[in-house]
N, C-alpha and C. Protein backbone atom coordinates (compact mmCIF):
# COMPACT_ATOMS: atom_id res chain seq x y z
N MET A 1 -17.98 -17.17 34.13
CA MET A 1 -18.01 -18.39 34.91
C MET A 1 -16.76 -18.42 35.79
N MET A 2 -16.99 -18.67 37.05
CA MET A 2 -15.88 -18.76 37.99
C MET A 2 -15.57 -20.22 38.26
N VAL A 3 -14.31 -20.54 38.29
CA VAL A 3 -13.87 -21.89 38.61
C VAL A 3 -13.09 -21.81 39.91
N SER A 4 -13.56 -22.56 40.89
CA SER A 4 -12.89 -22.52 42.19
C SER A 4 -11.79 -23.56 42.25
N ASP A 5 -10.95 -23.39 43.23
CA ASP A 5 -9.86 -24.33 43.45
C ASP A 5 -10.41 -25.72 43.76
N LYS A 6 -11.52 -25.77 44.47
CA LYS A 6 -12.15 -27.04 44.82
C LYS A 6 -12.61 -27.78 43.56
N GLN A 7 -13.19 -27.03 42.60
CA GLN A 7 -13.64 -27.64 41.35
C GLN A 7 -12.47 -28.20 40.55
N VAL A 8 -11.38 -27.48 40.53
CA VAL A 8 -10.19 -27.93 39.81
C VAL A 8 -9.68 -29.24 40.41
N HIS A 9 -9.65 -29.32 41.73
CA HIS A 9 -9.18 -30.54 42.39
C HIS A 9 -10.12 -31.72 42.12
N GLN A 10 -11.44 -31.46 42.07
CA GLN A 10 -12.39 -32.54 41.77
C GLN A 10 -12.17 -33.08 40.36
N VAL A 11 -11.95 -32.19 39.40
CA VAL A 11 -11.72 -32.61 38.02
C VAL A 11 -10.42 -33.40 37.94
N ALA A 12 -9.39 -32.95 38.61
CA ALA A 12 -8.11 -33.65 38.60
C ALA A 12 -8.26 -35.04 39.22
N LYS A 13 -9.04 -35.15 40.28
CA LYS A 13 -9.27 -36.43 40.94
C LYS A 13 -10.00 -37.40 39.99
N LEU A 14 -11.03 -36.91 39.29
CA LEU A 14 -11.76 -37.75 38.34
C LEU A 14 -10.86 -38.20 37.20
N PHE A 15 -10.04 -37.30 36.72
CA PHE A 15 -9.12 -37.65 35.63
C PHE A 15 -8.14 -38.72 36.07
N ALA A 16 -7.60 -38.57 37.27
CA ALA A 16 -6.65 -39.55 37.79
C ALA A 16 -7.31 -40.92 37.94
N ALA A 17 -8.58 -40.93 38.36
CA ALA A 17 -9.30 -42.20 38.50
C ALA A 17 -9.49 -42.86 37.14
N GLN A 18 -9.79 -42.08 36.13
CA GLN A 18 -9.97 -42.63 34.78
C GLN A 18 -8.66 -43.20 34.25
N VAL A 19 -7.57 -42.52 34.51
CA VAL A 19 -6.27 -42.99 34.04
C VAL A 19 -5.93 -44.32 34.71
N ARG A 20 -6.23 -44.46 35.97
CA ARG A 20 -5.94 -45.71 36.70
C ARG A 20 -6.79 -46.87 36.17
N MET A 21 -7.97 -46.59 35.67
CA MET A 21 -8.88 -47.63 35.20
C MET A 21 -8.50 -48.14 33.81
N ARG A 22 -7.72 -47.41 33.07
CA ARG A 22 -7.33 -47.84 31.72
C ARG A 22 -6.36 -49.00 31.81
N PRO A 23 -6.50 -49.96 30.89
CA PRO A 23 -5.52 -51.05 30.88
C PRO A 23 -4.17 -50.54 30.38
N ALA A 24 -3.13 -51.09 30.93
CA ALA A 24 -1.79 -50.69 30.51
C ALA A 24 -1.52 -51.25 29.13
N GLY A 25 -0.70 -50.58 28.40
CA GLY A 25 -0.34 -51.06 27.08
C GLY A 25 -0.63 -50.02 26.02
N LYS A 26 -0.39 -50.44 24.82
CA LYS A 26 -0.54 -49.52 23.69
C LYS A 26 -2.01 -49.34 23.35
N VAL A 27 -2.40 -48.11 23.17
CA VAL A 27 -3.76 -47.81 22.76
C VAL A 27 -3.77 -47.76 21.25
N THR A 28 -4.66 -48.53 20.65
CA THR A 28 -4.70 -48.55 19.19
C THR A 28 -6.05 -48.07 18.72
N GLY A 29 -6.05 -47.54 17.56
CA GLY A 29 -7.27 -47.07 16.94
C GLY A 29 -7.33 -47.62 15.54
N PRO A 30 -8.26 -47.17 14.77
CA PRO A 30 -8.34 -47.64 13.39
C PRO A 30 -7.08 -47.24 12.63
N GLU A 31 -6.61 -48.14 11.81
CA GLU A 31 -5.42 -47.86 11.01
C GLU A 31 -5.78 -46.93 9.86
N VAL A 32 -5.22 -45.76 9.90
CA VAL A 32 -5.46 -44.77 8.85
C VAL A 32 -4.11 -44.42 8.25
N PRO A 33 -3.98 -44.53 6.95
CA PRO A 33 -2.69 -44.17 6.36
C PRO A 33 -2.38 -42.69 6.59
N LEU A 34 -1.17 -42.44 7.01
CA LEU A 34 -0.76 -41.06 7.27
C LEU A 34 -0.36 -40.39 5.96
N ARG A 35 -0.75 -39.16 5.83
CA ARG A 35 -0.33 -38.39 4.66
C ARG A 35 0.17 -37.04 5.16
N PRO A 36 1.10 -36.46 4.46
CA PRO A 36 1.66 -35.18 4.92
C PRO A 36 0.61 -34.07 4.87
N ASP A 37 0.76 -33.12 5.77
CA ASP A 37 -0.12 -31.96 5.76
C ASP A 37 0.16 -31.12 4.53
N SER A 38 -0.86 -30.45 4.06
CA SER A 38 -0.66 -29.56 2.92
C SER A 38 -1.53 -28.33 3.10
N VAL A 39 -1.09 -27.25 2.49
CA VAL A 39 -1.80 -25.98 2.55
C VAL A 39 -1.91 -25.43 1.15
N GLU A 40 -3.07 -24.92 0.81
CA GLU A 40 -3.25 -24.29 -0.49
C GLU A 40 -3.59 -22.82 -0.25
N LEU A 41 -2.72 -21.93 -0.71
CA LEU A 41 -2.90 -20.51 -0.50
C LEU A 41 -3.77 -19.90 -1.60
N SER A 42 -4.59 -18.93 -1.22
CA SER A 42 -5.41 -18.24 -2.20
C SER A 42 -4.52 -17.31 -3.04
N ARG A 43 -5.07 -16.83 -4.12
CA ARG A 43 -4.34 -15.91 -4.98
C ARG A 43 -3.94 -14.66 -4.19
N GLU A 44 -4.87 -14.15 -3.39
CA GLU A 44 -4.58 -12.95 -2.59
C GLU A 44 -3.46 -13.21 -1.59
N SER A 45 -3.47 -14.38 -0.98
CA SER A 45 -2.41 -14.72 -0.03
C SER A 45 -1.06 -14.78 -0.71
N ARG A 46 -1.03 -15.34 -1.91
CA ARG A 46 0.24 -15.41 -2.65
C ARG A 46 0.72 -14.01 -3.02
N GLU A 47 -0.21 -13.11 -3.37
CA GLU A 47 0.18 -11.74 -3.70
C GLU A 47 0.73 -11.02 -2.48
N VAL A 48 0.07 -11.21 -1.35
CA VAL A 48 0.54 -10.59 -0.10
C VAL A 48 1.91 -11.14 0.26
N GLN A 49 2.09 -12.44 0.10
CA GLN A 49 3.39 -13.05 0.40
C GLN A 49 4.48 -12.50 -0.51
N ALA A 50 4.18 -12.34 -1.80
CA ALA A 50 5.16 -11.79 -2.74
C ALA A 50 5.50 -10.35 -2.38
N ALA A 51 4.48 -9.56 -2.00
CA ALA A 51 4.72 -8.17 -1.60
C ALA A 51 5.59 -8.13 -0.35
N TRP A 52 5.30 -8.99 0.61
CA TRP A 52 6.07 -9.03 1.85
C TRP A 52 7.53 -9.39 1.57
N GLN A 53 7.75 -10.34 0.69
CA GLN A 53 9.11 -10.73 0.35
C GLN A 53 9.84 -9.59 -0.35
N ALA A 54 9.14 -8.83 -1.20
CA ALA A 54 9.76 -7.69 -1.86
C ALA A 54 10.14 -6.62 -0.85
N ILE A 55 9.28 -6.40 0.13
CA ILE A 55 9.57 -5.41 1.18
C ILE A 55 10.78 -5.85 1.98
N GLN A 56 10.83 -7.13 2.32
CA GLN A 56 11.96 -7.64 3.10
C GLN A 56 13.27 -7.55 2.33
N ALA A 57 13.20 -7.68 1.00
CA ALA A 57 14.42 -7.63 0.18
C ALA A 57 14.90 -6.21 -0.05
N ALA A 58 14.00 -5.23 0.10
CA ALA A 58 14.37 -3.83 -0.14
C ALA A 58 15.28 -3.33 0.98
N PRO A 59 16.26 -2.53 0.64
CA PRO A 59 17.15 -1.99 1.68
C PRO A 59 16.41 -0.98 2.55
N ASP A 60 16.80 -0.91 3.82
CA ASP A 60 16.19 0.04 4.74
C ASP A 60 16.62 1.47 4.45
N VAL A 61 17.77 1.63 3.85
CA VAL A 61 18.33 2.96 3.59
C VAL A 61 18.45 3.16 2.09
N ARG A 62 17.98 4.30 1.61
CA ARG A 62 18.10 4.61 0.19
C ARG A 62 19.44 5.32 -0.03
N THR A 63 20.47 4.55 -0.29
CA THR A 63 21.83 5.09 -0.38
C THR A 63 21.97 6.11 -1.50
N GLU A 64 21.26 5.91 -2.61
CA GLU A 64 21.35 6.88 -3.71
C GLU A 64 20.86 8.25 -3.27
N LYS A 65 19.74 8.27 -2.55
CA LYS A 65 19.17 9.53 -2.07
C LYS A 65 20.13 10.20 -1.07
N ILE A 66 20.72 9.40 -0.20
CA ILE A 66 21.65 9.94 0.79
C ILE A 66 22.86 10.56 0.09
N GLU A 67 23.38 9.89 -0.92
CA GLU A 67 24.54 10.42 -1.65
C GLU A 67 24.20 11.72 -2.36
N GLN A 68 23.00 11.81 -2.93
CA GLN A 68 22.59 13.05 -3.60
C GLN A 68 22.52 14.21 -2.61
N ILE A 69 21.93 13.95 -1.45
CA ILE A 69 21.82 15.00 -0.43
C ILE A 69 23.20 15.37 0.10
N ARG A 70 24.04 14.38 0.34
CA ARG A 70 25.39 14.64 0.84
C ARG A 70 26.16 15.52 -0.15
N ALA A 71 26.07 15.20 -1.44
CA ALA A 71 26.77 15.98 -2.46
C ALA A 71 26.23 17.40 -2.51
N ALA A 72 24.91 17.56 -2.40
CA ALA A 72 24.31 18.90 -2.43
C ALA A 72 24.73 19.69 -1.19
N LEU A 73 24.81 19.05 -0.04
CA LEU A 73 25.26 19.73 1.18
C LEU A 73 26.70 20.21 1.04
N GLU A 74 27.56 19.33 0.52
CA GLU A 74 28.97 19.69 0.36
C GLU A 74 29.14 20.81 -0.66
N ALA A 75 28.29 20.83 -1.67
CA ALA A 75 28.38 21.87 -2.70
C ALA A 75 27.67 23.15 -2.27
N GLY A 76 26.92 23.09 -1.16
CA GLY A 76 26.20 24.27 -0.69
C GLY A 76 24.94 24.55 -1.50
N THR A 77 24.43 23.56 -2.20
CA THR A 77 23.25 23.76 -3.04
C THR A 77 22.00 23.08 -2.48
N TYR A 78 22.10 22.50 -1.31
CA TYR A 78 20.95 21.80 -0.73
C TYR A 78 19.99 22.80 -0.13
N ARG A 79 18.76 22.81 -0.60
CA ARG A 79 17.74 23.74 -0.12
C ARG A 79 16.50 22.92 0.26
N VAL A 80 15.94 23.27 1.40
CA VAL A 80 14.75 22.58 1.88
C VAL A 80 13.63 23.59 2.00
N SER A 81 12.47 23.26 1.44
CA SER A 81 11.30 24.12 1.54
C SER A 81 10.56 23.79 2.83
N GLY A 82 10.44 24.77 3.71
CA GLY A 82 9.70 24.57 4.95
C GLY A 82 8.26 24.20 4.68
N ARG A 83 7.69 24.78 3.65
CA ARG A 83 6.31 24.49 3.27
C ARG A 83 6.17 23.01 2.85
N GLU A 84 7.14 22.52 2.10
CA GLU A 84 7.10 21.12 1.65
C GLU A 84 7.28 20.16 2.83
N VAL A 85 8.16 20.51 3.76
CA VAL A 85 8.35 19.68 4.95
C VAL A 85 7.06 19.62 5.76
N ALA A 86 6.41 20.76 5.97
CA ALA A 86 5.16 20.81 6.72
C ALA A 86 4.07 20.00 6.01
N ARG A 87 4.00 20.11 4.69
CA ARG A 87 3.00 19.37 3.92
C ARG A 87 3.19 17.86 4.10
N LYS A 88 4.44 17.41 4.02
CA LYS A 88 4.74 15.98 4.17
C LYS A 88 4.42 15.50 5.60
N MET A 89 4.72 16.34 6.59
CA MET A 89 4.44 15.96 7.98
C MET A 89 2.94 15.80 8.20
N LEU A 90 2.15 16.73 7.67
CA LEU A 90 0.70 16.64 7.81
C LEU A 90 0.14 15.43 7.07
N ALA A 91 0.65 15.18 5.88
CA ALA A 91 0.19 14.03 5.11
C ALA A 91 0.49 12.73 5.86
N ARG A 92 1.69 12.63 6.42
CA ARG A 92 2.06 11.43 7.17
C ARG A 92 1.16 11.26 8.39
N SER A 93 0.85 12.36 9.06
CA SER A 93 -0.01 12.31 10.23
C SER A 93 -1.41 11.80 9.86
N LEU A 94 -1.93 12.27 8.74
CA LEU A 94 -3.25 11.82 8.29
C LEU A 94 -3.25 10.33 7.94
N VAL A 95 -2.22 9.90 7.27
CA VAL A 95 -2.12 8.48 6.90
C VAL A 95 -2.02 7.62 8.15
N ASP A 96 -1.25 8.06 9.13
CA ASP A 96 -1.11 7.30 10.37
C ASP A 96 -2.44 7.18 11.11
N ARG A 97 -3.26 8.21 11.06
CA ARG A 97 -4.57 8.16 11.73
C ARG A 97 -5.52 7.19 11.05
N LEU A 98 -5.37 7.01 9.75
CA LEU A 98 -6.25 6.11 9.01
C LEU A 98 -5.94 4.65 9.27
N ARG A 99 -4.78 4.36 9.75
CA ARG A 99 -4.39 2.96 9.99
C ARG A 99 -5.00 2.42 11.20
């Protein structure tokens, strides 16, 4: 549906005419007691929220792992398997495609 500039101006003109026709003063409606908004989360939503909070609380860097690797590097005992690195890269690639 296309809306032209002319149509927009016609609608604005009609709206302005309606506003002018309203009596000035407070507009009242039926008195309804106000109550605060509330939300009830499902069990699954609460689980997702708890998981999200746990992720947010986890550190971005695994300092223990870094210290182990640093110590192994300094001692000259750090060895990396090229086959294991390739396997992890392929696995990560497959997981990323599934998302």
